[in-house]
Amino acid sequence: MTLYISTSELLKRYGITKGTLISWRNKKNFPKPVIKAHGCSSSRYGIKAVDTWERDSGLLESLEIQPLISPNS
């Protein structure tokens, strides 16, 4: 099982900008990155924390996206 999801993967998944992701972290309790970006690298977020946030916020239904973690994981 994958442990992390990158900033770029999240932006693509949600169809948002980096600014929106930062706003969600500040205003909508989106998880903070587990590994912060340095230089050209991308921050990494914990899959479990993001999955929980998506479920709790109703994002799975509103964006009609598949869960990051399947019930069988």
N, C-alpha and C. Protein backbone atom coordinates (compact mmCIF):
# COMPACT_ATOMS: atom_id res chain seq x y z
N MET A 1 0.84 -1.19 0.00
CA MET A 1 0.00 0.00 0.00
C MET A 1 0.88 1.25 0.00
N THR A 2 0.49 2.20 -0.78
CA THR A 2 1.20 3.48 -0.84
C THR A 2 0.96 4.25 0.46
N LEU A 3 2.00 4.86 0.98
CA LEU A 3 1.87 5.59 2.24
C LEU A 3 1.65 7.08 2.04
N TYR A 4 2.09 7.62 0.89
CA TYR A 4 2.05 9.06 0.68
C TYR A 4 1.42 9.41 -0.66
N ILE A 5 0.91 10.65 -0.75
CA ILE A 5 0.42 11.21 -2.00
C ILE A 5 1.05 12.59 -2.13
N SER A 6 1.53 12.92 -3.32
CA SER A 6 2.24 14.19 -3.51
C SER A 6 1.27 15.35 -3.75
N THR A 7 1.80 16.55 -3.60
CA THR A 7 1.01 17.75 -3.85
C THR A 7 0.46 17.72 -5.27
N SER A 8 1.30 17.40 -6.25
CA SER A 8 0.85 17.41 -7.64
C SER A 8 -0.25 16.38 -7.88
N GLU A 9 -0.16 15.23 -7.24
CA GLU A 9 -1.22 14.22 -7.37
C GLU A 9 -2.54 14.71 -6.77
N LEU A 10 -2.45 15.42 -5.64
CA LEU A 10 -3.66 15.96 -5.01
C LEU A 10 -4.30 17.04 -5.89
N LEU A 11 -3.47 17.92 -6.47
CA LEU A 11 -4.00 18.98 -7.32
C LEU A 11 -4.74 18.39 -8.51
N LYS A 12 -4.16 17.35 -9.09
CA LYS A 12 -4.81 16.68 -10.23
C LYS A 12 -6.08 15.96 -9.78
N ARG A 13 -6.02 15.28 -8.65
CA ARG A 13 -7.16 14.52 -8.12
C ARG A 13 -8.37 15.43 -7.89
N TYR A 14 -8.13 16.61 -7.32
CA TYR A 14 -9.22 17.51 -6.97
C TYR A 14 -9.51 18.56 -8.04
N GLY A 15 -8.61 18.72 -9.00
CA GLY A 15 -8.79 19.76 -10.02
C GLY A 15 -8.70 21.15 -9.43
N ILE A 16 -7.72 21.34 -8.53
CA ILE A 16 -7.55 22.62 -7.84
C ILE A 16 -6.14 23.16 -8.05
N THR A 17 -5.92 24.39 -7.58
CA THR A 17 -4.59 25.00 -7.62
C THR A 17 -3.88 24.79 -6.29
N LYS A 18 -2.60 25.05 -6.29
CA LYS A 18 -1.82 24.94 -5.05
C LYS A 18 -2.35 25.92 -4.00
N GLY A 19 -2.78 27.10 -4.46
CA GLY A 19 -3.34 28.09 -3.54
C GLY A 19 -4.59 27.58 -2.84
N THR A 20 -5.42 26.86 -3.58
CA THR A 20 -6.63 26.29 -2.98
C THR A 20 -6.26 25.24 -1.94
N LEU A 21 -5.27 24.41 -2.25
CA LEU A 21 -4.83 23.39 -1.29
C LEU A 21 -4.33 24.04 0.00
N ILE A 22 -3.57 25.11 -0.14
CA ILE A 22 -3.07 25.83 1.04
C ILE A 22 -4.24 26.41 1.82
N SER A 23 -5.22 26.95 1.12
CA SER A 23 -6.41 27.49 1.78
C SER A 23 -7.15 26.40 2.54
N TRP A 24 -7.27 25.22 1.94
CA TRP A 24 -7.94 24.09 2.61
C TRP A 24 -7.18 23.72 3.88
N ARG A 25 -5.85 23.75 3.82
CA ARG A 25 -5.06 23.43 5.03
C ARG A 25 -5.34 24.44 6.12
N ASN A 26 -5.46 25.72 5.74
CA ASN A 26 -5.67 26.78 6.72
C ASN A 26 -7.10 26.89 7.21
N LYS A 27 -8.08 26.61 6.34
CA LYS A 27 -9.48 26.88 6.69
C LYS A 27 -10.37 25.64 6.78
N LYS A 28 -9.96 24.54 6.17
CA LYS A 28 -10.84 23.36 6.13
C LYS A 28 -10.20 22.13 6.76
N ASN A 29 -9.17 22.36 7.56
CA ASN A 29 -8.55 21.28 8.32
C ASN A 29 -7.95 20.17 7.45
N PHE A 30 -7.50 20.54 6.22
CA PHE A 30 -6.83 19.54 5.38
C PHE A 30 -5.51 19.17 6.06
N PRO A 31 -5.14 17.88 6.01
CA PRO A 31 -3.90 17.46 6.70
C PRO A 31 -2.67 18.21 6.21
N LYS A 32 -1.76 18.44 7.13
CA LYS A 32 -0.48 19.06 6.78
C LYS A 32 0.42 17.98 6.16
N PRO A 33 1.38 18.40 5.32
CA PRO A 33 2.27 17.40 4.71
C PRO A 33 3.12 16.71 5.77
N VAL A 34 3.35 15.43 5.54
CA VAL A 34 4.22 14.65 6.41
C VAL A 34 5.68 14.92 6.04
N ILE A 35 5.92 15.08 4.73
CA ILE A 35 7.25 15.41 4.22
C ILE A 35 7.12 16.71 3.45
N LYS A 36 7.79 17.75 3.91
CA LYS A 36 7.70 19.06 3.26
C LYS A 36 8.66 19.15 2.09
N ALA A 37 8.23 19.87 1.06
CA ALA A 37 9.02 20.02 -0.16
C ALA A 37 10.28 20.83 0.11
N HIS A 38 11.33 20.47 -0.63
CA HIS A 38 12.59 21.21 -0.61
C HIS A 38 13.06 21.34 -2.05
N GLY A 39 13.33 22.55 -2.48
CA GLY A 39 13.79 22.75 -3.86
C GLY A 39 12.71 22.42 -4.86
N CYS A 40 13.01 21.53 -5.78
CA CYS A 40 12.06 21.15 -6.84
C CYS A 40 11.16 19.99 -6.44
N SER A 41 11.36 19.44 -5.25
CA SER A 41 10.56 18.28 -4.84
C SER A 41 9.15 18.71 -4.47
N SER A 42 8.29 17.74 -4.30
CA SER A 42 6.89 17.97 -3.95
C SER A 42 6.63 17.46 -2.54
N SER A 43 5.81 18.19 -1.78
CA SER A 43 5.44 17.72 -0.45
C SER A 43 4.68 16.42 -0.56
N ARG A 44 4.73 15.63 0.49
CA ARG A 44 4.01 14.36 0.55
C ARG A 44 3.06 14.39 1.74
N TYR A 45 1.86 13.87 1.50
CA TYR A 45 0.82 13.82 2.51
C TYR A 45 0.52 12.36 2.83
N GLY A 46 0.20 12.08 4.08
CA GLY A 46 -0.14 10.72 4.47
C GLY A 46 -1.46 10.29 3.84
N ILE A 47 -1.43 9.15 3.15
CA ILE A 47 -2.63 8.63 2.47
C ILE A 47 -3.79 8.46 3.46
N LYS A 48 -3.52 7.89 4.62
CA LYS A 48 -4.60 7.62 5.58
C LYS A 48 -5.25 8.93 6.04
N ALA A 49 -4.44 9.95 6.33
CA ALA A 49 -4.99 11.23 6.79
C ALA A 49 -5.82 11.89 5.70
N VAL A 50 -5.34 11.85 4.46
CA VAL A 50 -6.07 12.46 3.34
C VAL A 50 -7.36 11.68 3.09
N ASP A 51 -7.29 10.36 3.12
CA ASP A 51 -8.48 9.53 2.92
C ASP A 51 -9.55 9.85 3.97
N THR A 52 -9.15 9.94 5.21
CA THR A 52 -10.09 10.28 6.30
C THR A 52 -10.69 11.65 6.08
N TRP A 53 -9.86 12.63 5.70
CA TRP A 53 -10.35 13.99 5.44
C TRP A 53 -11.37 13.99 4.30
N GLU A 54 -11.07 13.27 3.22
CA GLU A 54 -12.00 13.21 2.08
C GLU A 54 -13.35 12.65 2.51
N ARG A 55 -13.32 11.57 3.28
CA ARG A 55 -14.57 10.94 3.73
C ARG A 55 -15.35 11.87 4.66
N ASP A 56 -14.63 12.47 5.62
CA ASP A 56 -15.29 13.34 6.61
C ASP A 56 -15.84 14.62 5.99
N SER A 57 -15.17 15.12 4.95
CA SER A 57 -15.59 16.39 4.34
C SER A 57 -16.65 16.22 3.26
N GLY A 58 -16.92 14.97 2.88
CA GLY A 58 -17.90 14.71 1.82
C GLY A 58 -17.35 14.91 0.42
N LEU A 59 -16.04 15.02 0.30
CA LEU A 59 -15.41 15.28 -1.00
C LEU A 59 -15.56 14.11 -1.97
N LEU A 60 -15.57 12.90 -1.45
CA LEU A 60 -15.71 11.73 -2.33
C LEU A 60 -17.00 11.82 -3.14
N GLU A 61 -18.08 12.20 -2.46
CA GLU A 61 -19.37 12.29 -3.13
C GLU A 61 -19.46 13.52 -4.03
N SER A 62 -18.99 14.66 -3.54
CA SER A 62 -19.14 15.89 -4.31
C SER A 62 -18.31 15.89 -5.59
N LEU A 63 -17.13 15.27 -5.56
CA LEU A 63 -16.28 15.21 -6.75
C LEU A 63 -16.41 13.89 -7.51
N GLU A 64 -17.16 12.96 -6.91
CA GLU A 64 -17.34 11.64 -7.50
C GLU A 64 -15.99 10.99 -7.83
N ILE A 65 -15.13 10.94 -6.81
CA ILE A 65 -13.82 10.31 -6.96
C ILE A 65 -13.79 9.03 -6.13
N GLN A 66 -12.90 8.15 -6.51
CA GLN A 66 -12.74 6.88 -5.80
C GLN A 66 -11.93 7.11 -4.52
N PRO A 67 -12.22 6.36 -3.45
CA PRO A 67 -11.43 6.47 -2.23
C PRO A 67 -9.96 6.14 -2.47
N LEU A 68 -9.09 6.79 -1.72
CA LEU A 68 -7.66 6.50 -1.81
C LEU A 68 -7.36 5.14 -1.23
N ILE A 69 -8.12 4.75 -0.21
CA ILE A 69 -7.91 3.46 0.45
C ILE A 69 -9.19 2.65 0.28
N SER A 70 -9.04 1.48 -0.30
CA SER A 70 -10.22 0.62 -0.49
C SER A 70 -10.55 -0.06 0.83
N PRO A 71 -11.81 -0.45 1.01
CA PRO A 71 -12.20 -1.11 2.27
C PRO A 71 -11.42 -2.40 2.54
N ASN A 72 -10.86 -3.01 1.51
CA ASN A 72 -10.11 -4.27 1.67
C ASN A 72 -8.66 -4.07 2.02
N SER A 73 -8.19 -2.79 2.10
CA SER A 73 -6.78 -2.52 2.39
C SER A 73 -6.46 -2.72 3.84
